[in-house]
C-alpha cells in the first residue's frame, strides 16, 4: 500500500513564491515585471513608495534602498539580474 501511495505523488515542483519590490518611476522595475510576465511567472508586486513597512523590511533584508528587488522563496536578488533570476526560478536563460 505504501508503494501505491508513493506512485500518486506528483513530480511537479511547487510554484515559487515571488515578490517584486518596485516604485512607479523605476524603469528597471517595469522591465523586470515585463520579463516575468513574458516568462509566465506569477508574482506579487510591492510598491515600496506607498508601503513604508515594506520599504523598511526591504532595507533590513538587503541593506539597500534601491529597486527593483525580487524575492524568490525568501531569497533576495537586488537589481534585474536575468541569469540569477532564471537560475532561481529554474528557467532556461534567453
PDB file of N, CA and C in Angstrom:
ATOM      1  N   UNK A   1       0.823  -1.198   0.000  1.00  0.00           N
ATOM      2  CA  UNK A   1       0.000   0.000   0.000  1.00  0.00           C
ATOM      3  C   UNK A   1       0.865   1.259   0.000  1.00  0.00           C
ATOM      4  N   UNK A   2       1.969   1.225   0.688  1.00  0.00           N
ATOM      5  CA  UNK A   2       2.831   2.399   0.710  1.00  0.00           C
ATOM      6  C   UNK A   2       3.365   2.688  -0.679  1.00  0.00           C
ATOM      7  N   UNK A   3       3.756   1.645  -1.415  1.00  0.00           N
ATOM      8  CA  UNK A   3       4.254   1.834  -2.774  1.00  0.00           C
ATOM      9  C   UNK A   3       3.212   2.472  -3.668  1.00  0.00           C
ATOM     10  N   UNK A   4       1.955   2.076  -3.511  1.00  0.00           N
ATOM     11  CA  UNK A   4       0.879   2.652  -4.313  1.00  0.00           C
ATOM     12  C   UNK A   4       0.701   4.130  -3.984  1.00  0.00           C
ATOM     13  N   UNK A   5       0.824   4.468  -2.705  1.00  0.00           N
ATOM     14  CA  UNK A   5       0.680   5.868  -2.314  1.00  0.00           C
ATOM     15  C   UNK A   5       1.804   6.714  -2.899  1.00  0.00           C
ATOM     16  N   UNK A   6       2.991   6.186  -2.901  1.00  0.00           N
ATOM     17  CA  UNK A   6       4.120   6.939  -3.445  1.00  0.00           C
ATOM     18  C   UNK A   6       3.982   7.173  -4.939  1.00  0.00           C
ATOM     19  N   UNK A   7       3.391   6.250  -5.655  1.00  0.00           N
ATOM     20  CA  UNK A   7       3.255   6.418  -7.096  1.00  0.00           C
ATOM     21  C   UNK A   7       2.284   7.534  -7.455  1.00  0.00           C
ATOM     22  N   UNK A   8       1.449   7.940  -6.517  1.00  0.00           N
ATOM     23  CA  UNK A   8       0.492   9.013  -6.764  1.00  0.00           C
ATOM     24  C   UNK A   8       1.071  10.397  -6.462  1.00  0.00           C
ATOM     25  N   UNK A   9       2.266  10.451  -5.933  1.00  0.00           N
ATOM     26  CA  UNK A   9       2.876  11.731  -5.594  1.00  0.00           C
ATOM     27  C   UNK A   9       3.298  12.430  -6.878  1.00  0.00           C
ATOM     28  N   UNK A  10       2.917  13.672  -6.998  1.00  0.00           N
ATOM     29  CA  UNK A  10       3.238  14.447  -8.195  1.00  0.00           C
ATOM     30  C   UNK A  10       4.709  14.837  -8.202  1.00  0.00           C
ATOM     31  N   UNK A  11       5.317  14.751  -9.364  1.00  0.00           N
ATOM     32  CA  UNK A  11       6.712  15.156  -9.515  1.00  0.00           C
ATOM     33  C   UNK A  11       6.822  16.625  -9.917  1.00  0.00           C
ATOM     34  N   UNK A  12       5.686  17.307 -10.044  1.00  0.00           N
ATOM     35  CA  UNK A  12       5.678  18.712 -10.432  1.00  0.00           C
ATOM     36  C   UNK A  12       6.192  19.567  -9.282  1.00  0.00           C
ATOM     37  N   UNK A  13       7.204  20.381  -9.524  1.00  0.00           N
ATOM     38  CA  UNK A  13       7.720  21.228  -8.450  1.00  0.00           C
ATOM     39  C   UNK A  13       6.700  22.294  -8.059  1.00  0.00           C
ATOM     40  N   UNK A  14       6.746  22.698  -6.795  1.00  0.00           N
ATOM     41  CA  UNK A  14       5.838  23.736  -6.310  1.00  0.00           C
ATOM     42  C   UNK A  14       6.189  25.063  -6.979  1.00  0.00           C
ATOM     43  N   UNK A  15       5.168  25.896  -7.171  1.00  0.00           N
ATOM     44  CA  UNK A  15       5.410  27.219  -7.750  1.00  0.00           C
ATOM     45  C   UNK A  15       6.202  28.049  -6.756  1.00  0.00           C
ATOM     46  N   UNK A  16       7.179  28.770  -7.250  1.00  0.00           N
ATOM     47  CA  UNK A  16       7.964  29.615  -6.342  1.00  0.00           C
ATOM     48  C   UNK A  16       7.135  30.798  -5.856  1.00  0.00           C
ATOM     49  N   UNK A  17       7.444  31.263  -4.665  1.00  0.00           N
ATOM     50  CA  UNK A  17       6.809  32.463  -4.121  1.00  0.00           C
ATOM     51  C   UNK A  17       7.669  33.642  -4.549  1.00  0.00           C
ATOM     52  N   UNK A  18       7.107  34.514  -5.377  1.00  0.00           N
ATOM     53  CA  UNK A  18       7.877  35.608  -5.973  1.00  0.00           C
ATOM     54  C   UNK A  18       7.266  36.952  -5.579  1.00  0.00           C
ATOM     55  N   UNK A  19       8.088  37.785  -4.965  1.00  0.00           N
ATOM     56  CA  UNK A  19       7.705  39.157  -4.643  1.00  0.00           C
ATOM     57  C   UNK A  19       8.618  40.085  -5.425  1.00  0.00           C
ATOM     58  N   UNK A  20       8.052  41.147  -5.962  1.00  0.00           N
ATOM     59  CA  UNK A  20       8.840  42.137  -6.691  1.00  0.00           C
ATOM     60  C   UNK A  20       8.626  43.485  -6.011  1.00  0.00           C
ATOM     61  N   UNK A  21       9.702  44.030  -5.470  1.00  0.00           N
ATOM     62  CA  UNK A  21       9.652  45.326  -4.804  1.00  0.00           C
ATOM     63  C   UNK A  21       9.981  46.394  -5.834  1.00  0.00           C
ATOM     64  N   UNK A  22       9.081  47.368  -5.978  1.00  0.00           N
ATOM     65  CA  UNK A  22       9.175  48.350  -7.049  1.00  0.00           C
ATOM     66  C   UNK A  22       8.806  49.750  -6.563  1.00  0.00           C
ATOM     67  N   UNK A  23       8.965  50.692  -7.477  1.00  0.00           N
ATOM     68  CA  UNK A  23       8.356  52.018  -7.375  1.00  0.00           C
ATOM     69  C   UNK A  23       7.792  52.335  -8.759  1.00  0.00           C
ATOM     70  N   UNK A  24       6.799  53.207  -8.840  1.00  0.00           N
ATOM     71  CA  UNK A  24       6.182  53.502 -10.135  1.00  0.00           C
ATOM     72  C   UNK A  24       7.127  54.142 -11.154  1.00  0.00           C
ATOM     73  N   UNK A  25       8.146  54.849 -10.694  1.00  0.00           N
ATOM     74  CA  UNK A  25       9.027  55.570 -11.612  1.00  0.00           C
ATOM     75  C   UNK A  25      10.288  54.794 -11.994  1.00  0.00           C
ATOM     76  N   UNK A  26      10.419  53.585 -11.529  1.00  0.00           N
ATOM     77  CA  UNK A  26      11.622  52.779 -11.764  1.00  0.00           C
ATOM     78  C   UNK A  26      11.522  52.045 -13.102  1.00  0.00           C
ATOM     79  N   UNK A  27      12.342  52.453 -14.069  1.00  0.00           N
ATOM     80  CA  UNK A  27      12.282  51.819 -15.394  1.00  0.00           C
ATOM     81  C   UNK A  27      12.746  50.361 -15.346  1.00  0.00           C
ATOM     82  N   UNK A  28      13.734  50.042 -14.511  1.00  0.00           N
ATOM     83  CA  UNK A  28      14.184  48.646 -14.395  1.00  0.00           C
ATOM     84  C   UNK A  28      13.107  47.773 -13.761  1.00  0.00           C
ATOM     85  N   UNK A  29      12.298  48.364 -12.890  1.00  0.00           N
ATOM     86  CA  UNK A  29      11.176  47.626 -12.296  1.00  0.00           C
ATOM     87  C   UNK A  29      10.175  47.231 -13.378  1.00  0.00           C
ATOM     88  N   UNK A  30       9.869  48.157 -14.275  1.00  0.00           N
ATOM     89  CA  UNK A  30       8.940  47.878 -15.376  1.00  0.00           C
ATOM     90  C   UNK A  30       9.497  46.778 -16.276  1.00  0.00           C
ATOM     91  N   UNK A  31      10.792  46.827 -16.537  1.00  0.00           N
ATOM     92  CA  UNK A  31      11.422  45.792 -17.370  1.00  0.00           C
ATOM     93  C   UNK A  31      11.372  44.432 -16.683  1.00  0.00           C
ATOM     94  N   UNK A  32      11.648  44.412 -15.386  1.00  0.00           N
ATOM     95  CA  UNK A  32      11.609  43.153 -14.641  1.00  0.00           C
ATOM     96  C   UNK A  32      10.213  42.551 -14.661  1.00  0.00           C
ATOM     97  N   UNK A  33       9.202  43.366 -14.402  1.00  0.00           N
ATOM     98  CA  UNK A  33       7.823  42.856 -14.403  1.00  0.00           C
ATOM     99  C   UNK A  33       7.424  42.346 -15.785  1.00  0.00           C
ATOM    100  N   UNK A  34       7.806  43.063 -16.830  1.00  0.00           N
ATOM    101  CA  UNK A  34       7.504  42.615 -18.197  1.00  0.00           C
ATOM    102  C   UNK A  34       8.192  41.281 -18.480  1.00  0.00           C
ATOM    103  N   UNK A  35       9.429  41.145 -18.039  1.00  0.00           N
ATOM    104  CA  UNK A  35      10.176  39.902 -18.242  1.00  0.00           C
ATOM    105  C   UNK A  35       9.489  38.736 -17.528  1.00  0.00           C
ATOM    106  N   UNK A  36       9.070  38.953 -16.291  1.00  0.00           N
ATOM    107  CA  UNK A  36       8.398  37.884 -15.548  1.00  0.00           C
ATOM    108  C   UNK A  36       7.073  37.501 -16.208  1.00  0.00           C
ATOM    109  N   UNK A  37       6.332  38.492 -16.679  1.00  0.00           N
ATOM    110  CA  UNK A  37       5.068  38.192 -17.368  1.00  0.00           C
ATOM    111  C   UNK A  37       5.329  37.412 -18.657  1.00  0.00           C
ATOM    112  N   UNK A  38       6.358  37.821 -19.401  1.00  0.00           N
ATOM    113  CA  UNK A  38       6.730  37.135 -20.639  1.00  0.00           C
ATOM    114  C   UNK A  38       7.089  35.674 -20.359  1.00  0.00           C
ATOM    115  N   UNK A  39       7.734  35.435 -19.225  1.00  0.00           N
ATOM    116  CA  UNK A  39       8.138  34.075 -18.844  1.00  0.00           C
ATOM    117  C   UNK A  39       7.026  33.340 -18.088  1.00  0.00           C
ATOM    118  N   UNK A  40       5.864  34.001 -17.949  1.00  0.00           N
ATOM    119  CA  UNK A  40       4.681  33.446 -17.290  1.00  0.00           C
ATOM    120  C   UNK A  40       4.941  33.073 -15.833  1.00  0.00           C
ATOM    121  N   UNK A  41       5.674  33.949 -15.155  1.00  0.00           N
ATOM    122  CA  UNK A  41       5.963  33.770 -13.736  1.00  0.00           C
ATOM    123  C   UNK A  41       4.974  34.617 -12.948  1.00  0.00           C
ATOM    124  N   UNK A  42       4.236  33.983 -12.063  1.00  0.00           N
ATOM    125  CA  UNK A  42       3.309  34.725 -11.219  1.00  0.00           C
ATOM    126  C   UNK A  42       4.096  35.399 -10.104  1.00  0.00           C
ATOM    127  N   UNK A  43       3.737  36.647  -9.813  1.00  0.00           N
ATOM    128  CA  UNK A  43       4.432  37.384  -8.766  1.00  0.00           C
ATOM    129  C   UNK A  43       3.478  38.357  -8.108  1.00  0.00           C
ATOM    130  N   UNK A  44       3.873  38.785  -6.914  1.00  0.00           N
ATOM    131  CA  UNK A  44       3.130  39.825  -6.208  1.00  0.00           C
ATOM    132  C   UNK A  44       4.021  41.051  -6.169  1.00  0.00           C
ATOM    133  N   UNK A  45       3.461  42.178  -6.567  1.00  0.00           N
ATOM    134  CA  UNK A  45       4.212  43.434  -6.593  1.00  0.00           C
ATOM    135  C   UNK A  45       4.001  44.193  -5.295  1.00  0.00           C
ATOM    136  N   UNK A  46       5.086  44.738  -4.762  1.00  0.00           N
ATOM    137  CA  UNK A  46       5.029  45.569  -3.568  1.00  0.00           C
ATOM    138  C   UNK A  46       5.636  46.922  -3.923  1.00  0.00           C
ATOM    139  N   UNK A  47       4.811  47.961  -3.909  1.00  0.00           N
ATOM    140  CA  UNK A  47       5.256  49.326  -4.214  1.00  0.00           C
ATOM    141  C   UNK A  47       5.801  49.938  -2.923  1.00  0.00           C
ATOM    142  N   UNK A  48       7.120  49.996  -2.811  1.00  0.00           N
ATOM    143  CA  UNK A  48       7.730  50.486  -1.575  1.00  0.00           C
ATOM    144  C   UNK A  48       7.562  51.991  -1.387  1.00  0.00           C
ATOM    145  N   UNK A  49       7.165  52.701  -2.428  1.00  0.00           N
ATOM    146  CA  UNK A  49       6.909  54.137  -2.273  1.00  0.00           C
ATOM    147  C   UNK A  49       5.589  54.384  -1.552  1.00  0.00           C
ATOM    148  N   UNK A  50       4.733  53.385  -1.508  1.00  0.00           N
ATOM    149  CA  UNK A  50       3.432  53.511  -0.839  1.00  0.00           C
ATOM    150  C   UNK A  50       3.349  52.710   0.455  1.00  0.00           C
ATOM    151  N   UNK A  51       4.315  51.837   0.682  1.00  0.00           N
ATOM    152  CA  UNK A  51       4.268  50.944   1.841  1.00  0.00           C
ATOM    153  C   UNK A  51       5.563  51.099   2.642  1.00  0.00           C
ATOM    154  N   UNK A  52       5.515  51.935   3.676  1.00  0.00           N
ATOM    155  CA  UNK A  52       6.707  52.207   4.485  1.00  0.00           C
ATOM    156  C   UNK A  52       7.240  50.957   5.176  1.00  0.00           C
ATOM    157  N   UNK A  53       6.330  50.111   5.626  1.00  0.00           N
ATOM    158  CA  UNK A  53       6.759  48.890   6.316  1.00  0.00           C
ATOM    159  C   UNK A  53       7.514  47.974   5.360  1.00  0.00           C
ATOM    160  N   UNK A  54       7.019  47.860   4.139  1.00  0.00           N
ATOM    161  CA  UNK A  54       7.702  47.033   3.134  1.00  0.00           C
ATOM    162  C   UNK A  54       9.065  47.630   2.792  1.00  0.00           C
ATOM    163  N   UNK A  55       9.138  48.961   2.703  1.00  0.00           N
ATOM    164  CA  UNK A  55      10.414  49.620   2.407  1.00  0.00           C
ATOM    165  C   UNK A  55      11.425  49.353   3.521  1.00  0.00           C
ATOM    166  N   UNK A  56      10.984  49.464   4.767  1.00  0.00           N
ATOM    167  CA  UNK A  56      11.876  49.203   5.901  1.00  0.00           C
ATOM    168  C   UNK A  56      12.305  47.738   5.921  1.00  0.00           C
ATOM    169  N   UNK A  57      11.388  46.842   5.620  1.00  0.00           N
ATOM    170  CA  UNK A  57      11.700  45.413   5.577  1.00  0.00           C
ATOM    171  C   UNK A  57      12.717  45.121   4.474  1.00  0.00           C
ATOM    172  N   UNK A  58      12.553  45.786   3.348  1.00  0.00           N
ATOM    173  CA  UNK A  58      13.474  45.606   2.225  1.00  0.00           C
ATOM    174  C   UNK A  58      14.894  46.033   2.611  1.00  0.00           C
ATOM    175  N   UNK A  59      15.021  47.169   3.275  1.00  0.00           N
ATOM    176  CA  UNK A  59      16.333  47.645   3.717  1.00  0.00           C
ATOM    177  C   UNK A  59      16.924  46.675   4.736  1.00  0.00           C
ATOM    178  N   UNK A  60      16.096  46.174   5.633  1.00  0.00           N
ATOM    179  CA  UNK A  60      16.572  45.222   6.640  1.00  0.00           C
ATOM    180  C   UNK A  60      17.091  43.949   5.981  1.00  0.00           C
ATOM    181  N   UNK A  61      16.368  43.447   4.979  1.00  0.00           N
ATOM    182  CA  UNK A  61      16.741  42.191   4.320  1.00  0.00           C
ATOM    183  C   UNK A  61      17.959  42.330   3.413  1.00  0.00           C
ATOM    184  N   UNK A  62      18.043  43.455   2.698  1.00  0.00           N
ATOM    185  CA  UNK A  62      19.074  43.578   1.662  1.00  0.00           C
ATOM    186  C   UNK A  62      20.165  44.589   1.989  1.00  0.00           C
ATOM    187  N   UNK A  63      19.890  45.485   2.936  1.00  0.00           N
ATOM    188  CA  UNK A  63      20.836  46.552   3.224  1.00  0.00           C
ATOM    189  C   UNK A  63      20.820  47.638   2.160  1.00  0.00           C
ATOM    190  N   UNK A  64      19.839  47.595   1.278  1.00  0.00           N
ATOM    191  CA  UNK A  64      19.758  48.535   0.158  1.00  0.00           C
ATOM    192  C   UNK A  64      18.385  49.197   0.131  1.00  0.00           C
ATOM    193  N   UNK A  65      18.361  50.404  -0.418  1.00  0.00           N
ATOM    194  CA  UNK A  65      17.090  51.099  -0.591  1.00  0.00           C
ATOM    195  C   UNK A  65      16.652  51.097  -2.049  1.00  0.00           C
ATOM    196  N   UNK A  66      17.494  50.624  -2.949  1.00  0.00           N
ATOM    197  CA  UNK A  66      17.188  50.661  -4.374  1.00  0.00           C
ATOM    198  C   UNK A  66      16.253  49.551  -4.808  1.00  0.00           C
ATOM    199  N   UNK A  67      15.582  49.792  -5.905  1.00  0.00           N
ATOM    200  CA  UNK A  67      14.710  48.804  -6.538  1.00  0.00           C
ATOM    201  C   UNK A  67      15.112  48.703  -8.001  1.00  0.00           C
ATOM    202  N   UNK A  68      14.806  47.636  -8.670  1.00  0.00           N
ATOM    203  CA  UNK A  68      13.966  46.542  -8.216  1.00  0.00           C
ATOM    204  C   UNK A  68      14.739  45.547  -7.354  1.00  0.00           C
ATOM    205  N   UNK A  69      13.970  44.892  -6.505  1.00  0.00           N
ATOM    206  CA  UNK A  69      14.452  43.733  -5.772  1.00  0.00           C
ATOM    207  C   UNK A  69      13.416  42.651  -5.989  1.00  0.00           C
ATOM    208  N   UNK A  70      13.887  41.474  -6.342  1.00  0.00           N
ATOM    209  CA  UNK A  70      12.985  40.341  -6.492  1.00  0.00           C
ATOM    210  C   UNK A  70      13.334  39.343  -5.399  1.00  0.00           C
ATOM    211  N   UNK A  71      12.312  38.860  -4.719  1.00  0.00           N
ATOM    212  CA  UNK A  71      12.495  37.865  -3.672  1.00  0.00           C
ATOM    213  C   UNK A  71      11.843  36.578  -4.152  1.00  0.00           C
ATOM    214  N   UNK A  72      12.640  35.528  -4.236  1.00  0.00           N
ATOM    215  CA  UNK A  72      12.159  34.233  -4.701  1.00  0.00           C
ATOM    216  C   UNK A  72      12.318  33.246  -3.560  1.00  0.00           C
ATOM    217  N   UNK A  73      11.186  32.768  -3.054  1.00  0.00           N
ATOM    218  CA  UNK A  73      11.190  31.838  -1.921  1.00  0.00           C
ATOM    219  C   UNK A  73      12.057  32.353  -0.770  1.00  0.00           C
ATOM    220  N   UNK A  74      11.948  33.657  -0.503  1.00  0.00           N
ATOM    221  CA  UNK A  74      12.639  34.249   0.630  1.00  0.00           C
ATOM    222  C   UNK A  74      14.062  34.702   0.364  1.00  0.00           C
ATOM    223  N   UNK A  75      14.581  34.471  -0.834  1.00  0.00           N
ATOM    224  CA  UNK A  75      15.956  34.875  -1.173  1.00  0.00           C
ATOM    225  C   UNK A  75      15.912  36.072  -2.113  1.00  0.00           C
ATOM    226  N   UNK A  76      16.599  37.140  -1.734  1.00  0.00           N
ATOM    227  CA  UNK A  76      16.523  38.401  -2.477  1.00  0.00           C
ATOM    228  C   UNK A  76      17.618  38.508  -3.530  1.00  0.00           C
ATOM    229  N   UNK A  77      17.233  39.095  -4.664  1.00  0.00           N
ATOM    230  CA  UNK A  77      18.168  39.469  -5.720  1.00  0.00           C
ATOM    231  C   UNK A  77      17.972  40.966  -5.939  1.00  0.00           C
ATOM    232  N   UNK A  78      19.038  41.726  -5.767  1.00  0.00           N
ATOM    233  CA  UNK A  78      18.974  43.171  -5.967  1.00  0.00           C
ATOM    234  C   UNK A  78      19.286  43.461  -7.428  1.00  0.00           C
ATOM    235  N   UNK A  79      18.385  44.196  -8.080  1.00  0.00           N
ATOM    236  CA  UNK A  79      18.568  44.534  -9.489  1.00  0.00           C
ATOM    237  C   UNK A  79      17.942  43.500 -10.405  1.00  0.00           C
ATOM    238  N   UNK A  80      17.995  43.807 -11.687  1.00  0.00           N
ATOM    239  CA  UNK A  80      17.406  42.940 -12.713  1.00  0.00           C
ATOM    240  C   UNK A  80      18.517  42.052 -13.264  1.00  0.00           C
ATOM    241  N   UNK A  81      18.805  40.983 -12.546  1.00  0.00           N
ATOM    242  CA  UNK A  81      19.887  40.052 -12.871  1.00  0.00           C
ATOM    243  C   UNK A  81      19.266  38.800 -13.496  1.00  0.00           C
ATOM    244  N   UNK A  82      19.050  38.842 -14.823  1.00  0.00           N
ATOM    245  CA  UNK A  82      18.357  37.745 -15.516  1.00  0.00           C
ATOM    246  C   UNK A  82      18.950  36.368 -15.242  1.00  0.00           C
ATOM    247  N   UNK A  83      20.271  36.183 -15.359  1.00  0.00           N
ATOM    248  CA  UNK A  83      20.814  34.840 -15.129  1.00  0.00           C
ATOM    249  C   UNK A  83      20.508  34.296 -13.728  1.00  0.00           C
ATOM    250  N   UNK A  84      20.636  35.131 -12.702  1.00  0.00           N
ATOM    251  CA  UNK A  84      20.322  34.669 -11.333  1.00  0.00           C
ATOM    252  C   UNK A  84      18.840  34.411 -11.164  1.00  0.00           C
ATOM    253  N   UNK A  85      18.008  35.282 -11.726  1.00  0.00           N
ATOM    254  CA  UNK A  85      16.559  35.098 -11.631  1.00  0.00           C
ATOM    255  C   UNK A  85      16.164  33.799 -12.315  1.00  0.00           C
ATOM    256  N   UNK A  86      16.657  33.592 -13.527  1.00  0.00           N
ATOM    257  CA  UNK A  86      16.346  32.362 -14.260  1.00  0.00           C
ATOM    258  C   UNK A  86      16.797  31.135 -13.485  1.00  0.00           C
ATOM    259  N   UNK A  87      17.998  31.193 -12.916  1.00  0.00           N
ATOM    260  CA  UNK A  87      18.520  30.048 -12.167  1.00  0.00           C
ATOM    261  C   UNK A  87      17.653  29.749 -10.949  1.00  0.00           C
ATOM    262  N   UNK A  88      17.259  30.786 -10.230  1.00  0.00           N
ATOM    263  CA  UNK A  88      16.452  30.567  -9.025  1.00  0.00           C
ATOM    264  C   UNK A  88      15.040  30.105  -9.351  1.00  0.00           C
ATOM    265  N   UNK A  89      14.546  30.463 -10.531  1.00  0.00           N
ATOM    266  CA  UNK A  89      13.206  30.036 -10.943  1.00  0.00           C
ATOM    267  C   UNK A  89      13.239  28.732 -11.737  1.00  0.00           C
ATOM    268  N   UNK A  90      14.430  28.250 -12.049  1.00  0.00           N
ATOM    269  CA  UNK A  90      14.546  27.025 -12.838  1.00  0.00           C
ATOM    270  C   UNK A  90      14.184  27.228 -14.294  1.00  0.00           C
ATOM    271  N   UNK A  91      14.427  28.438 -14.816  1.00  0.00           N
ATOM    272  CA  UNK A  91      14.116  28.759 -16.207  1.00  0.00           C
ATOM    273  C   UNK A  91      15.380  28.698 -17.047  1.00  0.00           C
ATOM    274  N   UNK A  92      15.215  28.413 -18.316  1.00  0.00           N
ATOM    275  CA  UNK A  92      16.348  28.462 -19.242  1.00  0.00           C
ATOM    276  C   UNK A  92      16.594  29.914 -19.609  1.00  0.00           C
ATOM    277  N   UNK A  93      17.837  30.333 -19.554  1.00  0.00           N
ATOM    278  CA  UNK A  93      18.190  31.714 -19.921  1.00  0.00           C
ATOM    279  C   UNK A  93      17.974  31.932 -21.403  1.00  0.00           C
ATOM    280  N   UNK A  94      17.567  33.163 -21.729  1.00  0.00           N
ATOM    281  CA  UNK A  94      17.351  33.538 -23.133  1.00  0.00           C
ATOM    282  C   UNK A  94      18.443  34.450 -23.582  1.00  0.00           C
TER     283      UNK A  94
END
